[in-house]
Amino acid sequence: MPLFGSHPPVHHDAPPTEVSKKWSDSFGGIATRCLQAIIVLVIVIGIVYAAATLSVVTIPVLLALIIASAMHPVVSWLRRHRVPSVLATLAVLIGVLVVLALVGWLIVVAVISQWPDLQKSAVRGFGQLQDFAATLPISISDSQFDDVVKSVEGFLTSSQFGSGALAGASATANFLTGLVLMVVVLFFFLKDGPAIWEFLLRPFSGERYRRARRVGDRVVHTLGGYVRGTATVAAVDAVGIGVGLAIIGVPLALPLAVVVFITAFIPIVGATAAGILAALVALVANGPVAALFVVGVVVLVNQLEGNLLQPVLMGKTLKLHGLVILIGLTAGTVLAGITGAIISVPLLAAAWGAIQVWDGPDQPARAWRQKRPETAEAR
């Protein structure tokens, strides 16, 4: 009789223990999902905290990535026309730096040249405000106005204002450091961007490699399309509003037009902020009638932008719900100020674009696929 039979031994599953029963029921499944969500949330918070702590490094790198994505077609076009890689990179980099320097110069020089006129208009407007306050049902005396002026003067000469100036000097040093880092990183992104991405993809192969390539191409396409489209819309807004301010006779029309160009990169709230600033300057310098005309110009330009320019120029680059944009703007502003507000929306658009090609060229990630046809809400 053989030592072992012809049939393999039968293994019986061990009976479930009391602990496994608790984790296998419906409540245990919910607890498992909650634990997974907590772990993912902790990891995300850690990454965001590290990025915010190292903002002097992360923000310049992100800005360089966004600008390089927008300028990549230009560099590729120059290389296709047999321009050496280094010369093509330097030409595009110098062009970007010239544009940034021109924007800063327009703001600083125009403000310095027109500041005395604006100061006189502000003093005259403050006197008009005092006269208007005297006609209100609530009694506001001149002594109360003087107290407010003295409080402002006291703050400007206080140690608190001095410490704020020191903080501003520190912020200026950080800005210059970040600017130099951004220029260096931008040079290498423009020159060796595809090679750098291929180096980062070396650990991947097969389907994972193809997925990473799809995601990288979509991110670059989304960031570049967003920046180019927004820059075009911002230029049209700046020219339209700037011409309107100049016709009305508002001082600082040129720097205000530059501010409009910059704030146009902040969706939803940027145009409103620029319109409020232009209206306030017109109110102080030219009176309430001019301020109303400025509001009308801003509203008209914004309507043309929203209904004509953005659908044509932006296309499907920014397919994000307004609520998502507002949440992203708020988070970016809290973490990195005005710079975070500018870069948060293109980063969100790039992340959504990556999700849309996760499982194929036109196949989103499984968790984001549409399960049923959308129906219009009952009105």
Protein backbone atom coordinates (compact mmCIF):
# COMPACT_ATOMS: atom_id res chain seq x y z
CA MET A 1 0.00 0.00 0.00
CA PRO A 2 1.55 3.31 -1.01
CA LEU A 3 2.56 5.75 1.62
CA PHE A 4 0.58 8.58 0.01
CA GLY A 5 -2.76 8.17 -1.69
CA SER A 6 -3.47 9.33 -5.21
CA HIS A 7 -5.77 12.11 -4.08
CA PRO A 8 -4.25 15.35 -2.79
CA PRO A 9 -4.97 16.28 0.77
CA VAL A 10 -8.06 18.41 1.34
CA HIS A 11 -7.51 21.71 3.18
CA HIS A 12 -10.41 22.97 5.19
CA ASP A 13 -10.73 26.73 5.72
CA ALA A 14 -10.31 27.78 9.28
CA PRO A 15 -13.52 28.92 10.90
CA PRO A 16 -13.83 32.68 11.12
CA THR A 17 -12.75 34.13 14.41
CA GLU A 18 -14.72 36.61 16.43
CA VAL A 19 -12.49 39.48 15.27
CA SER A 20 -12.86 38.61 11.57
CA LYS A 21 -16.63 38.43 11.98
CA LYS A 22 -16.68 41.99 13.36
CA TRP A 23 -14.73 43.33 10.38
CA SER A 24 -16.65 41.37 7.74
CA ASP A 25 -20.15 42.65 8.45
CA SER A 26 -21.60 45.86 6.99
CA PHE A 27 -20.48 48.07 9.86
CA GLY A 28 -17.00 46.58 9.69
CA GLY A 29 -16.86 47.40 5.98
CA ILE A 30 -17.76 51.01 6.75
CA ALA A 31 -15.08 51.13 9.44
CA THR A 32 -12.50 49.77 6.99
CA ARG A 33 -13.35 52.41 4.41
CA CYS A 34 -13.19 55.13 7.06
CA LEU A 35 -9.78 53.92 8.18
CA GLN A 36 -8.54 53.94 4.58
CA ALA A 37 -9.93 57.45 4.07
CA ILE A 38 -8.20 58.67 7.25
CA ILE A 39 -4.87 57.23 6.12
CA VAL A 40 -5.18 58.88 2.68
CA LEU A 41 -6.22 62.17 4.30
CA VAL A 42 -3.24 62.12 6.65
CA ILE A 43 -0.87 61.49 3.73
CA VAL A 44 -2.42 64.33 1.71
CA ILE A 45 -2.24 66.71 4.68
CA GLY A 46 1.41 65.77 5.18
CA ILE A 47 2.23 66.47 1.54
CA VAL A 48 0.37 69.81 1.59
CA TYR A 49 2.06 70.82 4.85
CA ALA A 50 5.50 69.97 3.48
CA ALA A 51 4.77 71.90 0.28
CA ALA A 52 3.54 74.93 2.26
CA THR A 53 6.56 74.81 4.57
CA LEU A 54 8.92 74.67 1.60
CA SER A 55 6.94 77.21 -0.42
CA VAL A 56 10.14 79.03 -1.39
CA VAL A 57 10.99 75.87 -3.37
CA THR A 58 7.63 74.38 -4.35
CA ILE A 59 6.00 77.56 -5.71
CA PRO A 60 8.90 78.48 -8.06
CA VAL A 61 9.03 74.89 -9.33
CA LEU A 62 5.27 74.84 -9.97
CA LEU A 63 5.41 78.23 -11.69
CA ALA A 64 8.30 77.02 -13.85
CA LEU A 65 6.31 73.89 -14.75
CA ILE A 66 3.25 75.93 -15.75
CA ILE A 67 5.25 78.42 -17.82
CA ALA A 68 7.30 75.65 -19.46
CA SER A 69 4.09 73.84 -20.43
CA ALA A 70 2.80 77.01 -22.07
CA MET A 71 6.08 77.67 -23.91
CA HIS A 72 6.77 74.06 -24.93
CA PRO A 73 5.16 74.44 -28.41
CA VAL A 74 7.36 77.46 -29.11
CA VAL A 75 10.54 75.62 -28.16
CA SER A 76 9.48 72.59 -30.23
CA TRP A 77 8.73 74.81 -33.23
CA LEU A 78 12.17 76.42 -33.05
CA ARG A 79 13.86 73.03 -32.80
CA ARG A 80 11.93 71.73 -35.80
CA HIS A 81 13.32 74.66 -37.78
CA ARG A 82 16.86 73.54 -36.95
CA VAL A 83 17.52 76.06 -34.19
CA PRO A 84 20.00 74.55 -31.69
CA SER A 85 18.35 73.38 -28.48
CA VAL A 86 20.28 75.74 -26.22
CA LEU A 87 19.59 78.77 -28.42
CA ALA A 88 15.88 77.94 -28.67
CA THR A 89 15.68 77.55 -24.89
CA LEU A 90 17.52 80.82 -24.24
CA ALA A 91 15.37 82.71 -26.75
CA VAL A 92 12.13 81.56 -25.12
CA LEU A 93 13.48 82.10 -21.60
CA ILE A 94 14.63 85.63 -22.38
CA GLY A 95 11.25 86.36 -23.96
CA VAL A 96 9.42 85.21 -20.81
CA LEU A 97 11.70 87.28 -18.56
CA VAL A 98 11.23 90.37 -20.76
CA VAL A 99 7.44 90.04 -20.51
CA LEU A 100 7.56 89.64 -16.71
CA ALA A 101 9.95 92.59 -16.36
CA LEU A 102 7.75 94.72 -18.64
CA VAL A 103 4.69 94.00 -16.51
CA GLY A 104 6.53 95.02 -13.33
CA TRP A 105 7.98 98.11 -14.99
CA LEU A 106 4.59 99.28 -16.23
CA ILE A 107 3.14 99.06 -12.73
CA VAL A 108 6.03 100.71 -10.87
CA VAL A 109 6.87 103.48 -13.34
CA ALA A 110 3.26 104.43 -14.05
CA VAL A 111 2.38 104.55 -10.35
CA ILE A 112 5.43 106.67 -9.52
CA SER A 113 4.74 109.12 -12.35
CA GLN A 114 1.04 109.56 -11.53
CA TRP A 115 1.17 109.22 -7.75
CA PRO A 116 1.26 113.01 -7.00
CA ASP A 117 -1.90 113.60 -9.05
CA LEU A 118 -3.63 110.69 -7.39
CA GLN A 119 -2.57 111.96 -3.96
CA LYS A 120 -4.08 115.39 -4.66
CA SER A 121 -7.26 113.76 -5.93
CA ALA A 122 -7.41 111.61 -2.80
CA VAL A 123 -7.14 114.66 -0.56
CA ARG A 124 -9.86 116.40 -2.55
CA GLY A 125 -12.01 113.25 -2.40
CA PHE A 126 -11.51 113.00 1.36
CA GLY A 127 -12.74 116.57 1.72
CA GLN A 128 -15.80 115.73 -0.37
CA LEU A 129 -16.38 112.72 1.86
CA GLN A 130 -16.32 114.97 4.93
CA ASP A 131 -18.84 117.33 3.32
CA PHE A 132 -21.07 114.39 2.41
CA ALA A 133 -20.83 112.97 5.93
CA ALA A 134 -22.06 116.28 7.33
CA THR A 135 -25.36 115.83 5.46
CA LEU A 136 -26.03 112.36 6.90
CA PRO A 137 -28.63 111.82 9.64
CA ILE A 138 -25.84 110.42 11.82
CA SER A 139 -23.69 113.21 13.18
CA ILE A 140 -19.99 112.79 12.35
CA SER A 141 -17.93 115.74 13.50
CA ASP A 142 -14.64 117.01 12.11
CA SER A 143 -12.93 116.04 15.35
CA GLN A 144 -13.88 112.41 14.77
CA PHE A 145 -12.35 112.58 11.27
CA ASP A 146 -9.21 114.09 12.81
CA ASP A 147 -9.06 111.25 15.31
CA VAL A 148 -9.17 108.73 12.47
CA VAL A 149 -6.38 110.55 10.63
CA LYS A 150 -4.26 110.70 13.79
CA SER A 151 -4.81 106.97 14.36
CA VAL A 152 -3.57 106.21 10.86
CA GLU A 153 -0.56 108.47 11.33
CA GLY A 154 0.18 106.85 14.70
CA PHE A 155 0.12 103.39 13.13
CA LEU A 156 2.48 104.49 10.36
CA THR A 157 4.97 105.76 12.94
CA SER A 158 4.54 102.89 15.41
CA SER A 159 6.85 99.95 16.03
CA GLN A 160 4.13 97.64 14.71
CA PHE A 161 4.41 99.26 11.30
CA GLY A 162 8.18 99.01 11.52
CA SER A 163 8.01 95.30 12.22
CA GLY A 164 5.69 94.97 9.25
CA ALA A 165 8.29 96.73 7.12
CA LEU A 166 10.92 94.27 8.33
CA ALA A 167 8.59 91.42 7.44
CA GLY A 168 8.19 92.98 4.01
CA ALA A 169 11.97 93.06 3.60
CA SER A 170 12.12 89.37 4.48
CA ALA A 171 9.35 88.64 1.99
CA THR A 172 11.30 90.55 -0.65
CA ALA A 173 14.37 88.41 0.00
CA ASN A 174 12.26 85.24 -0.30
CA PHE A 175 10.75 86.58 -3.52
CA LEU A 176 14.16 87.21 -5.07
CA THR A 177 15.34 83.75 -4.01
CA GLY A 178 12.25 82.14 -5.51
CA LEU A 179 12.62 84.19 -8.69
CA VAL A 180 16.20 83.04 -9.26
CA LEU A 181 15.21 79.43 -8.55
CA MET A 182 12.25 79.69 -10.94
CA VAL A 183 14.45 81.02 -13.75
CA VAL A 184 16.99 78.20 -13.32
CA VAL A 185 14.32 75.49 -13.12
CA LEU A 186 12.44 77.00 -16.06
CA PHE A 187 15.60 76.85 -18.19
CA PHE A 188 16.03 73.12 -17.54
CA PHE A 189 12.32 72.41 -18.01
CA LEU A 190 12.38 74.16 -21.38
CA LYS A 191 15.60 72.51 -22.48
CA ASP A 192 15.25 68.96 -21.08
CA GLY A 193 11.60 68.65 -20.03
CA PRO A 194 10.80 65.49 -22.05
CA ALA A 195 14.11 63.89 -21.03
CA ILE A 196 13.45 64.65 -17.37
CA TRP A 197 10.00 63.06 -17.62
CA GLU A 198 11.42 59.97 -19.31
CA PHE A 199 13.99 59.65 -16.53
CA LEU A 200 11.22 59.77 -13.91
CA LEU A 201 9.33 57.03 -15.80
CA ARG A 202 12.23 54.57 -15.78
CA PRO A 203 10.72 52.45 -12.92
CA PHE A 204 7.54 51.88 -14.97
CA SER A 205 6.94 49.43 -17.81
CA GLY A 206 4.07 48.08 -19.86
CA GLU A 207 0.65 49.49 -19.12
CA ARG A 208 1.92 51.56 -16.19
CA TYR A 209 4.44 53.27 -18.46
CA ARG A 210 1.79 54.00 -21.09
CA ARG A 211 -0.52 55.38 -18.40
CA ALA A 212 2.21 57.66 -17.05
CA ARG A 213 2.95 58.92 -20.55
CA ARG A 214 -0.76 59.66 -21.15
CA VAL A 215 -1.03 61.49 -17.84
CA GLY A 216 2.13 63.52 -18.46
CA ASP A 217 1.05 64.53 -21.96
CA ARG A 218 -2.42 65.53 -20.75
CA VAL A 219 -1.02 67.56 -17.84
CA VAL A 220 1.35 69.49 -20.13
CA HIS A 221 -1.43 70.01 -22.69
CA THR A 222 -3.89 71.23 -20.02
CA LEU A 223 -1.45 73.57 -18.29
CA GLY A 224 -0.22 75.01 -21.58
CA GLY A 225 -3.70 75.49 -23.01
CA TYR A 226 -4.91 77.11 -19.80
CA VAL A 227 -2.04 79.59 -19.61
CA ARG A 228 -2.14 80.52 -23.30
CA GLY A 229 -5.93 80.91 -23.34
CA THR A 230 -6.04 82.85 -20.09
CA ALA A 231 -3.19 85.13 -21.19
CA THR A 232 -5.06 85.98 -24.40
CA VAL A 233 -8.29 86.68 -22.52
CA ALA A 234 -6.38 88.71 -19.92
CA ALA A 235 -4.72 90.81 -22.62
CA VAL A 236 -8.09 91.59 -24.22
CA ASP A 237 -9.55 92.49 -20.82
CA ALA A 238 -6.60 94.73 -19.98
CA VAL A 239 -6.75 96.57 -23.30
CA GLY A 240 -10.54 97.01 -23.17
CA ILE A 241 -10.68 98.23 -19.57
CA GLY A 242 -7.50 100.29 -19.93
CA VAL A 243 -8.87 102.13 -22.97
CA GLY A 244 -12.15 102.73 -21.13
CA LEU A 245 -10.33 104.15 -18.09
CA ALA A 246 -8.22 106.40 -20.31
CA ILE A 247 -11.32 107.74 -22.11
CA ILE A 248 -13.06 108.43 -18.81
CA GLY A 249 -9.91 110.18 -17.56
CA VAL A 250 -9.14 107.98 -14.58
CA PRO A 251 -5.55 108.38 -13.31
CA LEU A 252 -3.29 105.32 -13.17
CA ALA A 253 -5.13 103.83 -16.16
CA LEU A 254 -2.01 101.99 -17.34
CA PRO A 255 -1.12 100.30 -14.03
CA LEU A 256 -4.78 99.49 -13.47
CA ALA A 257 -4.86 97.79 -16.88
CA VAL A 258 -1.81 95.75 -15.85
CA VAL A 259 -3.57 94.79 -12.62
CA VAL A 260 -6.55 93.68 -14.69
CA PHE A 261 -4.21 91.50 -16.77
CA ILE A 262 -2.76 89.86 -13.65
CA THR A 263 -6.04 89.32 -11.82
CA ALA A 264 -7.58 87.77 -14.96
CA PHE A 265 -5.55 84.65 -14.11
CA ILE A 266 -7.76 84.25 -11.00
CA PRO A 267 -11.13 82.93 -12.22
CA ILE A 268 -14.45 84.26 -10.89
CA VAL A 269 -13.05 86.66 -8.26
CA GLY A 270 -10.18 88.22 -10.22
CA ALA A 271 -12.30 90.35 -12.54
CA THR A 272 -14.48 91.50 -9.65
CA ALA A 273 -11.45 92.55 -7.58
CA ALA A 274 -9.93 94.48 -10.49
CA GLY A 275 -13.27 96.21 -11.20
CA ILE A 276 -13.65 97.25 -7.56
CA LEU A 277 -10.11 98.66 -7.49
CA ALA A 278 -10.63 100.65 -10.71
CA ALA A 279 -13.99 101.97 -9.46
CA LEU A 280 -12.45 103.08 -6.15
CA VAL A 281 -9.67 104.96 -7.92
CA ALA A 282 -12.25 106.63 -10.18
CA LEU A 283 -14.42 107.47 -7.17
CA VAL A 284 -11.53 109.13 -5.35
CA ALA A 285 -10.07 110.93 -8.35
CA ASN A 286 -13.07 111.71 -10.58
CA GLY A 287 -16.21 111.37 -8.50
CA PRO A 288 -19.19 108.99 -8.33
CA VAL A 289 -20.36 109.50 -11.93
CA ALA A 290 -17.00 108.43 -13.33
CA ALA A 291 -16.98 105.47 -10.95
CA LEU A 292 -20.34 104.33 -12.32
CA PHE A 293 -19.00 104.59 -15.88
CA VAL A 294 -15.99 102.50 -14.86
CA VAL A 295 -18.28 99.85 -13.39
CA GLY A 296 -20.22 99.79 -16.65
CA VAL A 297 -17.02 99.35 -18.70
CA VAL A 298 -15.82 96.52 -16.45
CA VAL A 299 -19.18 94.72 -16.63
CA LEU A 300 -19.31 95.07 -20.43
CA VAL A 301 -15.79 93.72 -20.94
CA ASN A 302 -16.40 90.84 -18.54
CA GLN A 303 -19.61 89.89 -20.36
CA LEU A 304 -17.80 89.82 -23.70
CA GLU A 305 -15.05 87.72 -22.13
CA GLY A 306 -17.37 85.20 -20.48
CA ASN A 307 -19.76 84.74 -23.40
CA LEU A 308 -17.42 85.02 -26.38
CA LEU A 309 -13.69 84.83 -25.67
CA GLN A 310 -13.45 82.10 -23.05
CA PRO A 311 -15.64 79.52 -24.86
CA VAL A 312 -13.62 80.02 -28.06
CA LEU A 313 -10.10 80.30 -26.65
CA MET A 314 -10.31 78.00 -23.62
CA GLY A 315 -12.49 75.29 -25.17
CA LYS A 316 -12.48 72.20 -22.97
CA THR A 317 -9.25 73.05 -21.17
CA LEU A 318 -10.98 74.15 -17.97
CA LYS A 319 -13.90 71.78 -17.41
CA LEU A 320 -14.30 72.37 -13.69
CA HIS A 321 -17.43 73.19 -11.73
CA GLY A 322 -17.60 76.67 -10.25
CA LEU A 323 -17.77 75.28 -6.72
CA VAL A 324 -14.56 73.30 -7.28
CA ILE A 325 -12.85 76.44 -8.58
CA LEU A 326 -13.95 78.47 -5.54
CA ILE A 327 -12.73 75.80 -3.10
CA GLY A 328 -9.42 75.54 -4.96
CA LEU A 329 -9.00 79.33 -4.96
CA THR A 330 -9.70 79.51 -1.24
CA ALA A 331 -7.26 76.71 -0.40
CA GLY A 332 -4.56 78.17 -2.68
CA THR A 333 -4.98 81.64 -1.17
CA VAL A 334 -4.75 80.32 2.39
CA LEU A 335 -1.64 78.26 1.62
CA ALA A 336 0.31 80.63 -0.64
CA GLY A 337 -1.47 83.98 -0.91
CA ILE A 338 -2.05 85.55 -4.31
CA THR A 339 0.42 83.19 -5.96
CA GLY A 340 -1.51 80.20 -4.65
CA ALA A 341 -4.75 81.68 -5.98
CA ILE A 342 -3.18 82.01 -9.44
CA ILE A 343 -1.67 78.51 -9.68
CA SER A 344 -4.38 76.55 -7.85
CA VAL A 345 -6.90 76.49 -10.71
CA PRO A 346 -4.51 75.30 -13.47
CA LEU A 347 -3.22 72.61 -11.11
CA LEU A 348 -6.80 71.47 -10.45
CA ALA A 349 -7.50 71.45 -14.18
CA ALA A 350 -4.35 69.39 -14.78
CA ALA A 351 -5.35 66.90 -12.07
CA TRP A 352 -8.80 66.52 -13.61
CA GLY A 353 -7.25 66.06 -17.04
CA ALA A 354 -5.04 63.27 -15.65
CA ILE A 355 -8.11 61.52 -14.24
CA GLN A 356 -9.82 61.73 -17.64
CA VAL A 357 -7.10 59.66 -19.35
CA TRP A 358 -6.18 57.36 -16.47
CA ASP A 359 -7.41 54.11 -18.06
CA GLY A 360 -7.17 55.11 -21.73
CA PRO A 361 -7.04 58.06 -24.15
CA ASP A 362 -10.77 58.70 -23.66
CA GLN A 363 -11.41 56.49 -20.63
CA PRO A 364 -11.43 58.11 -17.18
CA ALA A 365 -10.41 56.36 -14.01
CA ARG A 366 -12.92 53.73 -12.92
CA ALA A 367 -14.13 55.68 -9.89
CA TRP A 368 -14.90 58.74 -12.08
CA ARG A 369 -16.73 57.05 -14.92
CA GLN A 370 -20.29 58.09 -15.51
CA LYS A 371 -22.57 55.39 -14.14
CA ARG A 372 -25.83 56.73 -15.55
CA PRO A 373 -26.83 59.48 -17.97
CA GLU A 374 -27.11 62.89 -16.39
CA THR A 375 -30.58 64.37 -16.32
CA ALA A 376 -31.45 68.01 -16.14
CA GLU A 377 -32.70 69.27 -12.83
CA ALA A 378 -36.37 70.04 -12.59
CA ARG A 379 -37.00 73.69 -12.91
